[in-house]
Amino acid sequence: MPPTRESALTERDFEQLLQATYRLKDTSASLEARAIILIGGRLGLRPGELTHLSGEWIDWQREMIRIPSHHSCEKGQNGGLCGYCRQAVSQQSDSPSDYASLRKKYWQPKTPAAARAVPFHFSSRVHIALEFLDEQHGGWPYSLSTLQRRLDSALKHAPDLRSNATSPHGLRATAASYHAGRGLDMTALRAMFGWKDLETAQQYLNVDGAMTRRALTSIH
């Protein structure tokens, strides 16, 4: 389902959440939490995309993440499918043979449109976060549940935010609102977030009056 506008963090709340990661005592957990908040909240990767993020996807020369149409998942026990992928396969399979066939296709993005290139040249903070994950782990090394725990830990250390103020889906909504508010047009927004229709992109345009404010400033 598309991220909803209501789950998006404001810029102030987003910065508070980032600051909260510095309060985590475990240095690795702090860096990992900061990385997923930046990548999710500025690039808008889906939770499944964040979970399976690999260094192989990163085009450092062009500063883009190239999300593939297929990436073998080995995040589960003994190198098998992770819980996220197992659930996706189970929802689609009607028989053991279906399951065996489908599991070879995972991980795969939600829709064909989701296999895309996501630029990150506009943010040095995102660039540094990606460098950390790539150099230390070759991408995001854990499961979706660990990703959620890192985010929950940051929220716990952000005193002005509710414990459920956002989620991995909410970070994606945060990114969509951030770019729409700065004038990224509907077609580009759709391409960046991998939506199959323009209607979803339309939800984020002028969500908080930022586009109207910018247009008024340009003429007055």
C-alpha atoms as a PDB file:
ATOM      1  CA  MET A   1       0.000   0.000   0.000  1.00  0.00           C
ATOM      2  CA  PRO A   2       1.268   3.523  -0.681  1.00  0.00           C
ATOM      3  CA  PRO A   3       2.613   5.462   2.296  1.00  0.00           C
ATOM      4  CA  THR A   4       0.053   7.904   3.651  1.00  0.00           C
ATOM      5  CA  ARG A   5       0.642  11.610   4.096  1.00  0.00           C
ATOM      6  CA  GLU A   6      -0.484  11.378   7.714  1.00  0.00           C
ATOM      7  CA  SER A   7       2.472   9.145   8.625  1.00  0.00           C
ATOM      8  CA  ALA A   8       5.058  11.590   7.274  1.00  0.00           C
ATOM      9  CA  LEU A   9       7.322  13.402   9.727  1.00  0.00           C
ATOM     10  CA  THR A  10       7.711  17.149   9.535  1.00  0.00           C
ATOM     11  CA  GLU A  11      11.230  18.431   8.885  1.00  0.00           C
ATOM     12  CA  ARG A  12      11.582  19.403  12.543  1.00  0.00           C
ATOM     13  CA  ASP A  13      10.483  15.957  13.725  1.00  0.00           C
ATOM     14  CA  PHE A  14      12.787  14.289  11.195  1.00  0.00           C
ATOM     15  CA  GLU A  15      15.768  16.237  12.537  1.00  0.00           C
ATOM     16  CA  GLN A  16      14.761  15.406  16.108  1.00  0.00           C
ATOM     17  CA  LEU A  17      14.677  11.724  15.193  1.00  0.00           C
ATOM     18  CA  LEU A  18      18.139  11.978  13.663  1.00  0.00           C
ATOM     19  CA  GLN A  19      19.463  13.708  16.770  1.00  0.00           C
ATOM     20  CA  ALA A  20      18.026  10.912  18.897  1.00  0.00           C
ATOM     21  CA  THR A  21      20.310   8.384  17.205  1.00  0.00           C
ATOM     22  CA  TYR A  22      23.307  10.130  18.793  1.00  0.00           C
ATOM     23  CA  ARG A  23      21.895   9.225  22.208  1.00  0.00           C
ATOM     24  CA  LEU A  24      22.117   5.477  21.563  1.00  0.00           C
ATOM     25  CA  LYS A  25      24.923   3.999  23.654  1.00  0.00           C
ATOM     26  CA  ASP A  26      25.850   1.307  21.147  1.00  0.00           C
ATOM     27  CA  THR A  27      27.926   3.054  18.465  1.00  0.00           C
ATOM     28  CA  SER A  28      27.097   0.541  15.726  1.00  0.00           C
ATOM     29  CA  ALA A  29      23.382   0.670  16.508  1.00  0.00           C
ATOM     30  CA  SER A  30      23.545   4.466  16.490  1.00  0.00           C
ATOM     31  CA  LEU A  31      25.171   4.580  13.048  1.00  0.00           C
ATOM     32  CA  GLU A  32      22.805   1.957  11.660  1.00  0.00           C
ATOM     33  CA  ALA A  33      19.731   3.756  12.988  1.00  0.00           C
ATOM     34  CA  ARG A  34      20.936   7.028  11.502  1.00  0.00           C
ATOM     35  CA  ALA A  35      21.594   5.342   8.162  1.00  0.00           C
ATOM     36  CA  ILE A  36      18.127   3.831   7.812  1.00  0.00           C
ATOM     37  CA  ILE A  37      16.428   7.073   8.889  1.00  0.00           C
ATOM     38  CA  LEU A  38      18.358   9.048   6.283  1.00  0.00           C
ATOM     39  CA  ILE A  39      17.963   6.497   3.492  1.00  0.00           C
ATOM     40  CA  GLY A  40      14.302   5.895   4.262  1.00  0.00           C
ATOM     41  CA  GLY A  41      13.395   9.493   5.042  1.00  0.00           C
ATOM     42  CA  ARG A  42      15.222  11.116   2.141  1.00  0.00           C
ATOM     43  CA  LEU A  43      15.345   8.471  -0.594  1.00  0.00           C
ATOM     44  CA  GLY A  44      12.000   6.852   0.192  1.00  0.00           C
ATOM     45  CA  LEU A  45      13.017   3.222  -0.119  1.00  0.00           C
ATOM     46  CA  ARG A  46      10.302   0.728   0.792  1.00  0.00           C
ATOM     47  CA  PRO A  47      10.899  -1.434   3.891  1.00  0.00           C
ATOM     48  CA  GLY A  48      11.643  -4.457   1.704  1.00  0.00           C
ATOM     49  CA  GLU A  49      14.075  -2.420  -0.373  1.00  0.00           C
ATOM     50  CA  LEU A  50      15.839  -1.110   2.734  1.00  0.00           C
ATOM     51  CA  THR A  51      16.054  -4.617   4.191  1.00  0.00           C
ATOM     52  CA  HIS A  52      17.662  -6.024   1.048  1.00  0.00           C
ATOM     53  CA  LEU A  53      19.819  -2.996   0.221  1.00  0.00           C
ATOM     54  CA  SER A  54      23.116  -4.269  -1.157  1.00  0.00           C
ATOM     55  CA  GLY A  55      26.344  -2.488  -1.941  1.00  0.00           C
ATOM     56  CA  GLU A  56      25.987  -3.981  -5.409  1.00  0.00           C
ATOM     57  CA  TRP A  57      23.036  -1.662  -5.977  1.00  0.00           C
ATOM     58  CA  ILE A  58      25.027   1.514  -5.398  1.00  0.00           C
ATOM     59  CA  ASP A  59      26.396   3.333  -8.417  1.00  0.00           C
ATOM     60  CA  TRP A  60      28.943   5.587  -6.717  1.00  0.00           C
ATOM     61  CA  GLN A  61      30.017   7.283  -9.936  1.00  0.00           C
ATOM     62  CA  ARG A  62      26.506   8.505 -10.774  1.00  0.00           C
ATOM     63  CA  GLU A  63      25.397   8.634  -7.124  1.00  0.00           C
ATOM     64  CA  MET A  64      22.355   6.436  -7.601  1.00  0.00           C
ATOM     65  CA  ILE A  65      20.872   3.370  -5.979  1.00  0.00           C
ATOM     66  CA  ARG A  66      19.789   1.001  -8.723  1.00  0.00           C
ATOM     67  CA  ILE A  67      17.048  -1.207  -7.327  1.00  0.00           C
ATOM     68  CA  PRO A  68      17.042  -4.448  -9.339  1.00  0.00           C
ATOM     69  CA  SER A  69      14.111  -6.539 -10.502  1.00  0.00           C
ATOM     70  CA  HIS A  70      15.547  -9.497  -8.554  1.00  0.00           C
ATOM     71  CA  HIS A  71      18.045 -10.009  -5.755  1.00  0.00           C
ATOM     72  CA  SER A  72      18.670 -13.368  -4.081  1.00  0.00           C
ATOM     73  CA  CYS A  73      17.658 -13.243  -0.421  1.00  0.00           C
ATOM     74  CA  GLU A  74      19.958 -15.074   1.983  1.00  0.00           C
ATOM     75  CA  LYS A  75      19.080 -13.228   5.182  1.00  0.00           C
ATOM     76  CA  GLY A  76      17.204 -16.098   6.818  1.00  0.00           C
ATOM     77  CA  GLN A  77      18.478 -19.089   8.770  1.00  0.00           C
ATOM     78  CA  ASN A  78      21.273 -21.019   7.054  1.00  0.00           C
ATOM     79  CA  GLY A  79      21.262 -18.572   4.177  1.00  0.00           C
ATOM     80  CA  GLY A  80      17.580 -19.050   3.359  1.00  0.00           C
ATOM     81  CA  LEU A  81      14.823 -16.515   2.819  1.00  0.00           C
ATOM     82  CA  CYS A  82      14.248 -13.891   5.477  1.00  0.00           C
ATOM     83  CA  GLY A  83      10.893 -13.617   7.230  1.00  0.00           C
ATOM     84  CA  TYR A  84       9.827 -10.751   4.948  1.00  0.00           C
ATOM     85  CA  CYS A  85      10.388 -12.847   1.825  1.00  0.00           C
ATOM     86  CA  ARG A  86       8.901 -16.013   3.325  1.00  0.00           C
ATOM     87  CA  GLN A  87       5.713 -14.139   4.110  1.00  0.00           C
ATOM     88  CA  ALA A  88       5.553 -12.697   0.587  1.00  0.00           C
ATOM     89  CA  VAL A  89       5.999 -16.142  -0.959  1.00  0.00           C
ATOM     90  CA  SER A  90       3.445 -17.749   1.368  1.00  0.00           C
ATOM     91  CA  GLN A  91       0.826 -15.153   0.442  1.00  0.00           C
ATOM     92  CA  GLN A  92       1.184 -16.034  -3.235  1.00  0.00           C
ATOM     93  CA  SER A  93       1.583 -19.818  -3.118  1.00  0.00           C
ATOM     94  CA  ASP A  94      -1.287 -22.306  -3.139  1.00  0.00           C
ATOM     95  CA  SER A  95       0.807 -25.480  -3.079  1.00  0.00           C
ATOM     96  CA  PRO A  96       4.288 -26.719  -2.096  1.00  0.00           C
ATOM     97  CA  SER A  97       5.349 -26.645  -5.745  1.00  0.00           C
ATOM     98  CA  ASP A  98       4.214 -23.038  -6.039  1.00  0.00           C
ATOM     99  CA  TYR A  99       6.218 -22.168  -2.938  1.00  0.00           C
ATOM    100  CA  ALA A 100       9.361 -23.836  -4.263  1.00  0.00           C
ATOM    101  CA  SER A 101       9.046 -21.986  -7.563  1.00  0.00           C
ATOM    102  CA  LEU A 102       8.236 -18.606  -6.031  1.00  0.00           C
ATOM    103  CA  ARG A 103      11.032 -18.653  -3.468  1.00  0.00           C
ATOM    104  CA  LYS A 104      13.586 -18.554  -6.306  1.00  0.00           C
ATOM    105  CA  LYS A 105      12.212 -15.151  -7.310  1.00  0.00           C
ATOM    106  CA  TYR A 106      12.831 -13.453  -3.960  1.00  0.00           C
ATOM    107  CA  TRP A 107      13.761 -10.874  -3.118  1.00  0.00           C
ATOM    108  CA  GLN A 108      11.911  -8.843  -5.776  1.00  0.00           C
ATOM    109  CA  PRO A 109      10.458  -5.306  -5.658  1.00  0.00           C
ATOM    110  CA  LYS A 110       6.777  -4.750  -5.050  1.00  0.00           C
ATOM    111  CA  THR A 111       5.925  -3.888  -8.666  1.00  0.00           C
ATOM    112  CA  PRO A 112       7.813  -3.710 -11.994  1.00  0.00           C
ATOM    113  CA  ALA A 113       7.861   0.086 -11.624  1.00  0.00           C
ATOM    114  CA  ALA A 114       9.740  -0.307  -8.347  1.00  0.00           C
ATOM    115  CA  ALA A 115      12.864  -1.531 -10.163  1.00  0.00           C
ATOM    116  CA  ARG A 116      14.352   1.913 -10.621  1.00  0.00           C
ATOM    117  CA  ALA A 117      17.265   4.289 -10.068  1.00  0.00           C
ATOM    118  CA  VAL A 118      17.114   6.520  -6.987  1.00  0.00           C
ATOM    119  CA  PRO A 119      19.584   9.461  -7.006  1.00  0.00           C
ATOM    120  CA  PHE A 120      21.266  10.528  -3.765  1.00  0.00           C
ATOM    121  CA  HIS A 121      23.602  13.250  -5.071  1.00  0.00           C
ATOM    122  CA  PHE A 122      21.526  15.962  -3.380  1.00  0.00           C
ATOM    123  CA  SER A 123      22.440  14.906   0.184  1.00  0.00           C
ATOM    124  CA  SER A 124      25.928  14.476   1.605  1.00  0.00           C
ATOM    125  CA  ARG A 125      24.370  12.982   4.750  1.00  0.00           C
ATOM    126  CA  VAL A 126      22.728  10.213   2.741  1.00  0.00           C
ATOM    127  CA  HIS A 127      25.980   9.661   0.843  1.00  0.00           C
ATOM    128  CA  ILE A 128      27.873   9.178   4.120  1.00  0.00           C
ATOM    129  CA  ALA A 129      25.170   6.842   5.466  1.00  0.00           C
ATOM    130  CA  LEU A 130      25.404   4.670   2.357  1.00  0.00           C
ATOM    131  CA  GLU A 131      29.197   4.645   2.563  1.00  0.00           C
ATOM    132  CA  PHE A 132      29.006   3.415   6.154  1.00  0.00           C
ATOM    133  CA  LEU A 133      26.629   0.555   5.336  1.00  0.00           C
ATOM    134  CA  ASP A 134      28.601  -0.441   2.244  1.00  0.00           C
ATOM    135  CA  GLU A 135      32.016  -0.327   3.908  1.00  0.00           C
ATOM    136  CA  GLN A 136      30.964  -2.003   7.155  1.00  0.00           C
ATOM    137  CA  HIS A 137      28.406  -4.512   5.938  1.00  0.00           C
ATOM    138  CA  GLY A 138      28.147  -4.458   2.129  1.00  0.00           C
ATOM    139  CA  GLY A 139      24.622  -3.057   2.504  1.00  0.00           C
ATOM    140  CA  TRP A 140      21.971  -3.532   5.185  1.00  0.00           C
ATOM    141  CA  PRO A 141      23.059  -6.783   6.874  1.00  0.00           C
ATOM    142  CA  TYR A 142      20.056  -7.646   9.011  1.00  0.00           C
ATOM    143  CA  SER A 143      16.394  -8.532   8.818  1.00  0.00           C
ATOM    144  CA  LEU A 144      13.389  -6.207   8.688  1.00  0.00           C
ATOM    145  CA  SER A 145      12.765  -6.833  12.388  1.00  0.00           C
ATOM    146  CA  THR A 146      16.229  -5.514  13.256  1.00  0.00           C
ATOM    147  CA  LEU A 147      15.641  -2.496  11.037  1.00  0.00           C
ATOM    148  CA  GLN A 148      12.430  -1.852  12.968  1.00  0.00           C
ATOM    149  CA  ARG A 149      14.259  -2.223  16.304  1.00  0.00           C
ATOM    150  CA  ARG A 150      16.859   0.356  15.282  1.00  0.00           C
ATOM    151  CA  LEU A 151      14.090   2.804  14.380  1.00  0.00           C
ATOM    152  CA  ASP A 152      12.191   2.069  17.595  1.00  0.00           C
ATOM    153  CA  SER A 153      15.351   2.724  19.625  1.00  0.00           C
ATOM    154  CA  ALA A 154      15.767   6.129  17.992  1.00  0.00           C
ATOM    155  CA  LEU A 155      12.127   6.995  18.663  1.00  0.00           C
ATOM    156  CA  LYS A 156      12.549   5.987  22.293  1.00  0.00           C
ATOM    157  CA  HIS A 157      15.374   8.512  22.642  1.00  0.00           C
ATOM    158  CA  ALA A 158      13.447  11.337  20.957  1.00  0.00           C
ATOM    159  CA  PRO A 159      11.533  12.857  23.912  1.00  0.00           C
ATOM    160  CA  ASP A 160       9.270  15.078  21.808  1.00  0.00           C
ATOM    161  CA  LEU A 161       8.126  12.272  19.500  1.00  0.00           C
ATOM    162  CA  ARG A 162       5.573   9.548  20.170  1.00  0.00           C
ATOM    163  CA  SER A 163       6.899   6.002  20.232  1.00  0.00           C
ATOM    164  CA  ASN A 164       4.798   5.280  17.140  1.00  0.00           C
ATOM    165  CA  ALA A 165       5.459   8.631  15.426  1.00  0.00           C
ATOM    166  CA  THR A 166       6.772   6.891  12.329  1.00  0.00           C
ATOM    167  CA  SER A 167       7.687   3.521  10.829  1.00  0.00           C
ATOM    168  CA  PRO A 168       9.676   2.268   7.829  1.00  0.00           C
ATOM    169  CA  HIS A 169       6.602   3.082   5.700  1.00  0.00           C
ATOM    170  CA  GLY A 170       6.337   6.426   7.469  1.00  0.00           C
ATOM    171  CA  LEU A 171       9.922   7.272   6.529  1.00  0.00           C
ATOM    172  CA  ARG A 172       9.006   6.668   2.898  1.00  0.00           C
ATOM    173  CA  ALA A 173       6.065   9.042   3.273  1.00  0.00           C
ATOM    174  CA  THR A 174       8.425  11.550   4.893  1.00  0.00           C
ATOM    175  CA  ALA A 175      10.699  11.422   1.850  1.00  0.00           C
ATOM    176  CA  ALA A 176       7.783  11.828  -0.559  1.00  0.00           C
ATOM    177  CA  SER A 177       6.491  14.893   1.296  1.00  0.00           C
ATOM    178  CA  TYR A 178      10.006  16.347   1.531  1.00  0.00           C
ATOM    179  CA  HIS A 179      10.647  16.205  -2.224  1.00  0.00           C
ATOM    180  CA  ALA A 180       7.123  17.193  -3.251  1.00  0.00           C
ATOM    181  CA  GLY A 181       7.320  20.217  -0.966  1.00  0.00           C
ATOM    182  CA  ARG A 182      10.485  21.333  -2.730  1.00  0.00           C
ATOM    183  CA  GLY A 183       8.906  21.217  -6.138  1.00  0.00           C
ATOM    184  CA  LEU A 184       9.781  17.804  -7.549  1.00  0.00           C
ATOM    185  CA  ASP A 185       7.147  17.398 -10.252  1.00  0.00           C
ATOM    186  CA  MET A 186       4.667  14.574 -10.381  1.00  0.00           C
ATOM    187  CA  THR A 187       6.414  12.549 -13.089  1.00  0.00           C
ATOM    188  CA  ALA A 188       9.795  12.707 -11.366  1.00  0.00           C
ATOM    189  CA  LEU A 189       8.212  11.912  -7.997  1.00  0.00           C
ATOM    190  CA  ARG A 190       6.535   8.872  -9.477  1.00  0.00           C
ATOM    191  CA  ALA A 191       9.814   7.653 -11.006  1.00  0.00           C
ATOM    192  CA  MET A 192      11.837   8.186  -7.835  1.00  0.00           C
ATOM    193  CA  PHE A 193       9.378   6.334  -5.605  1.00  0.00           C
ATOM    194  CA  GLY A 194       8.498   3.590  -8.072  1.00  0.00           C
ATOM    195  CA  TRP A 195       4.757   4.167  -8.108  1.00  0.00           C
ATOM    196  CA  LYS A 196       2.831   2.660 -11.001  1.00  0.00           C
ATOM    197  CA  ASP A 197       0.352   5.543 -11.283  1.00  0.00           C
ATOM    198  CA  LEU A 198       0.436   9.317 -11.012  1.00  0.00           C
ATOM    199  CA  GLU A 199      -2.430   9.462  -8.532  1.00  0.00           C
ATOM    200  CA  THR A 200      -0.185   8.343  -5.676  1.00  0.00           C
ATOM    201  CA  ALA A 201       2.326  11.080  -6.477  1.00  0.00           C
ATOM    202  CA  GLN A 202      -0.510  13.595  -6.564  1.00  0.00           C
ATOM    203  CA  GLN A 203      -1.266  12.879  -2.894  1.00  0.00           C
ATOM    204  CA  TYR A 204       1.998  14.540  -1.877  1.00  0.00           C
ATOM    205  CA  LEU A 205       1.916  17.632  -4.058  1.00  0.00           C
ATOM    206  CA  ASN A 206       1.266  20.798  -2.076  1.00  0.00           C
ATOM    207  CA  VAL A 207       0.637  18.704   1.028  1.00  0.00           C
ATOM    208  CA  ASP A 208       1.541  21.541   3.411  1.00  0.00           C
ATOM    209  CA  GLY A 209       1.340  24.603   1.202  1.00  0.00           C
ATOM    210  CA  ALA A 210       5.082  24.626   0.502  1.00  0.00           C
ATOM    211  CA  MET A 211       4.604  24.676  -3.257  1.00  0.00           C
ATOM    212  CA  THR A 212       2.094  27.524  -3.038  1.00  0.00           C
ATOM    213  CA  ARG A 213       4.437  29.461  -0.764  1.00  0.00           C
ATOM    214  CA  ARG A 214       7.330  29.024  -3.189  1.00  0.00           C
ATOM    215  CA  ALA A 215       5.217  30.090  -6.158  1.00  0.00           C
ATOM    216  CA  LEU A 216       4.036  33.231  -4.323  1.00  0.00           C
ATOM    217  CA  THR A 217       7.597  34.101  -3.333  1.00  0.00           C
ATOM    218  CA  SER A 218       8.738  33.836  -6.954  1.00  0.00           C
ATOM    219  CA  ILE A 219       6.178  36.374  -8.174  1.00  0.00           C
ATOM    220  CA  HIS A 220       6.208  38.855  -5.282  1.00  0.00           C
END
